[in-house]
Amino acid sequence: MRAILATAALVIAGFAAAPERAEAAPLCDAKKMGFSGLLAKCNKGEGVTLTMASGKPIHDGAITLQSGAYYEFEIESDGSAELALVGPEFFRAVWIDEIVINDLEIRPLGLDSFEFDDEGTIEFSFIAIKPGTYALKIPGSTGDSQKVTISIQ
């Protein structure tokens, strides 16, 4: 019994001594959120634009999001090719507020991908929920510029 307690004490001490992971500061404190909670104006991260165009990168560099913050992605297609953007793991790690296409608002329960048959813009707003690293990519592509890595902290 003493051996078990000694082992448990070492394990607990090891967790206490583990280095802390750097985390982003909250966009706003709990006092400023008020009745709108996570949808408060101060809890909104910077917007992101993704580009769907034949032979062009989707986005320059990786994207880092804060868990619990509200974001808007604007996905633009120039119509140069029929392209999709797939990322079911990412879409399951966020709470989707709405998708806007040609001023039509859609509030889905889930999402797997977007596909552009022609030029246009999709506005996608959500709250980042589940920490992890995810990818949005053009299906069947292998190039690094044909995907964007998104990290939720």
Protein backbone atom coordinates (compact mmCIF):
# COMPACT_ATOMS: atom_id res chain seq x y z
CA MET A 1 0.00 0.00 0.00
CA ARG A 2 2.85 2.39 0.84
CA ALA A 3 4.43 1.67 -2.55
CA ILE A 4 1.20 2.61 -4.31
CA LEU A 5 0.89 5.86 -2.33
CA ALA A 6 4.55 6.71 -3.00
CA THR A 7 4.07 6.07 -6.74
CA ALA A 8 0.91 8.21 -6.76
CA ALA A 9 2.79 11.03 -4.99
CA LEU A 10 5.57 10.91 -7.61
CA VAL A 11 3.06 11.00 -10.45
CA ILE A 12 1.22 13.96 -8.92
CA ALA A 13 4.53 15.77 -8.31
CA GLY A 14 5.49 15.12 -11.94
CA PHE A 15 2.26 16.73 -13.16
CA ALA A 16 2.78 19.72 -10.88
CA ALA A 17 6.32 20.22 -12.23
CA ALA A 18 5.31 19.85 -15.90
CA PRO A 19 5.94 23.01 -17.95
CA GLU A 20 2.85 25.07 -18.67
CA ARG A 21 1.68 25.45 -22.26
CA ALA A 22 1.57 29.01 -23.57
CA GLU A 23 -2.00 30.13 -24.18
CA ALA A 24 -3.40 33.15 -25.94
CA ALA A 25 -4.91 35.84 -23.74
CA PRO A 26 -8.72 36.01 -23.85
CA LEU A 27 -10.12 38.56 -26.28
CA CYS A 28 -12.34 39.99 -23.53
CA ASP A 29 -12.88 39.34 -19.85
CA ALA A 30 -16.04 37.77 -18.41
CA LYS A 31 -17.31 41.15 -17.17
CA LYS A 32 -17.45 42.55 -20.72
CA MET A 33 -19.29 39.58 -22.24
CA GLY A 34 -22.63 40.44 -20.63
CA PHE A 35 -25.81 38.73 -21.79
CA SER A 36 -24.50 37.86 -25.26
CA GLY A 37 -21.80 35.58 -23.81
CA LEU A 38 -19.48 34.11 -26.43
CA LEU A 39 -21.18 36.20 -29.14
CA ALA A 40 -20.13 39.46 -27.41
CA LYS A 41 -18.51 42.02 -29.70
CA CYS A 42 -15.23 41.93 -27.75
CA ASN A 43 -14.95 38.12 -28.22
CA LYS A 44 -14.51 38.38 -31.99
CA GLY A 45 -11.19 37.33 -33.54
CA GLU A 46 -9.78 38.80 -36.72
CA GLY A 47 -11.44 37.79 -39.98
CA VAL A 48 -9.69 35.40 -42.35
CA THR A 49 -9.91 35.31 -46.15
CA LEU A 50 -9.33 32.04 -48.00
CA THR A 51 -8.86 32.00 -51.78
CA MET A 52 -10.06 29.26 -54.09
CA ALA A 53 -8.29 29.70 -57.43
CA SER A 54 -6.57 27.31 -59.80
CA GLY A 55 -2.84 27.17 -59.02
CA LYS A 56 -2.96 29.73 -56.21
CA PRO A 57 -2.46 29.07 -52.48
CA ILE A 58 -5.56 28.91 -50.30
CA HIS A 59 -3.93 31.06 -47.62
CA ASP A 60 -0.46 32.33 -46.78
CA GLY A 61 0.69 30.44 -43.69
CA ALA A 62 -1.08 28.68 -40.86
CA ILE A 63 -4.04 30.13 -38.95
CA THR A 64 -4.21 30.20 -35.15
CA LEU A 65 -7.57 30.55 -33.41
CA GLN A 66 -8.51 30.89 -29.76
CA SER A 67 -10.97 28.38 -28.32
CA GLY A 68 -14.18 30.12 -27.30
CA ALA A 69 -13.72 33.05 -29.69
CA TYR A 70 -16.00 34.02 -32.59
CA TYR A 71 -14.52 34.13 -36.12
CA GLU A 72 -15.58 34.91 -39.66
CA PHE A 73 -13.93 33.28 -42.66
CA GLU A 74 -14.55 34.68 -46.12
CA ILE A 75 -13.96 32.05 -48.79
CA GLU A 76 -13.59 33.56 -52.27
CA SER A 77 -13.50 31.73 -55.59
CA ASP A 78 -12.43 33.35 -58.84
CA GLY A 79 -14.21 30.66 -60.90
CA SER A 80 -11.01 29.52 -62.63
CA ALA A 81 -11.80 25.89 -61.73
CA GLU A 82 -14.44 23.83 -59.97
CA LEU A 83 -12.91 23.52 -56.50
CA ALA A 84 -13.99 22.16 -53.13
CA LEU A 85 -12.66 22.83 -49.66
CA VAL A 86 -12.86 19.81 -47.36
CA GLY A 87 -12.25 19.65 -43.60
CA PRO A 88 -14.74 17.53 -41.64
CA GLU A 89 -12.45 17.33 -38.58
CA PHE A 90 -12.22 21.14 -38.43
CA PHE A 91 -15.96 21.62 -38.97
CA ARG A 92 -16.66 19.25 -36.06
CA ALA A 93 -14.30 21.23 -33.81
CA VAL A 94 -16.31 24.46 -34.18
CA TRP A 95 -19.85 25.61 -33.48
CA ILE A 96 -21.23 26.98 -36.76
CA ASP A 97 -23.18 30.19 -36.36
CA GLU A 98 -24.07 30.72 -40.01
CA ILE A 99 -23.03 30.46 -43.62
CA VAL A 100 -23.97 33.30 -45.95
CA ILE A 101 -24.13 32.80 -49.73
CA ASN A 102 -25.56 35.60 -51.91
CA ASP A 103 -27.21 37.20 -48.86
CA LEU A 104 -28.93 33.91 -47.98
CA GLU A 105 -28.21 32.83 -44.40
CA ILE A 106 -27.85 29.13 -43.62
CA ARG A 107 -27.56 27.74 -40.09
CA PRO A 108 -26.52 24.09 -40.44
CA LEU A 109 -26.03 21.51 -37.70
CA GLY A 110 -22.96 20.09 -39.42
CA LEU A 111 -20.72 20.51 -42.41
CA ASP A 112 -18.22 18.45 -44.41
CA SER A 113 -17.13 20.74 -47.25
CA PHE A 114 -17.80 23.73 -49.49
CA GLU A 115 -17.71 23.49 -53.29
CA PHE A 116 -17.50 26.27 -55.85
CA ASP A 117 -18.75 25.57 -59.38
CA ASP A 118 -18.32 29.22 -60.35
CA GLU A 119 -16.96 32.44 -58.91
CA GLY A 120 -18.47 33.70 -55.68
CA THR A 121 -18.01 34.25 -51.97
CA ILE A 122 -19.10 32.29 -48.91
CA GLU A 123 -19.07 33.91 -45.48
CA PHE A 124 -18.63 31.32 -42.74
CA SER A 125 -18.95 32.39 -39.08
CA PHE A 126 -18.31 30.14 -36.09
CA ILE A 127 -16.99 29.78 -32.57
CA ALA A 128 -13.79 27.75 -32.25
CA ILE A 129 -14.39 25.05 -29.63
CA LYS A 130 -12.12 21.99 -29.60
CA PRO A 131 -8.35 22.61 -29.32
CA GLY A 132 -6.19 20.82 -31.86
CA THR A 133 -4.62 21.14 -35.29
CA TYR A 134 -6.83 20.74 -38.35
CA ALA A 135 -6.61 21.18 -42.12
CA LEU A 136 -8.88 22.56 -44.80
CA LYS A 137 -7.78 21.33 -48.21
CA ILE A 138 -8.71 20.83 -51.81
CA PRO A 139 -9.60 17.13 -52.11
CA GLY A 140 -7.19 15.02 -54.14
CA SER A 141 -4.44 17.65 -53.96
CA THR A 142 -1.02 17.00 -52.44
CA GLY A 143 0.66 20.42 -52.53
CA ASP A 144 1.17 22.41 -49.33
CA SER A 145 -0.36 25.51 -50.95
CA GLN A 146 -3.58 23.56 -51.59
CA LYS A 147 -4.33 23.29 -47.88
CA VAL A 148 -4.37 25.54 -44.85
CA THR A 149 -3.49 24.37 -41.34
CA ILE A 150 -5.70 25.72 -38.57
CA SER A 151 -4.72 25.47 -34.92
CA ILE A 152 -7.29 26.01 -32.18
CA GLN A 153 -5.60 26.81 -28.85
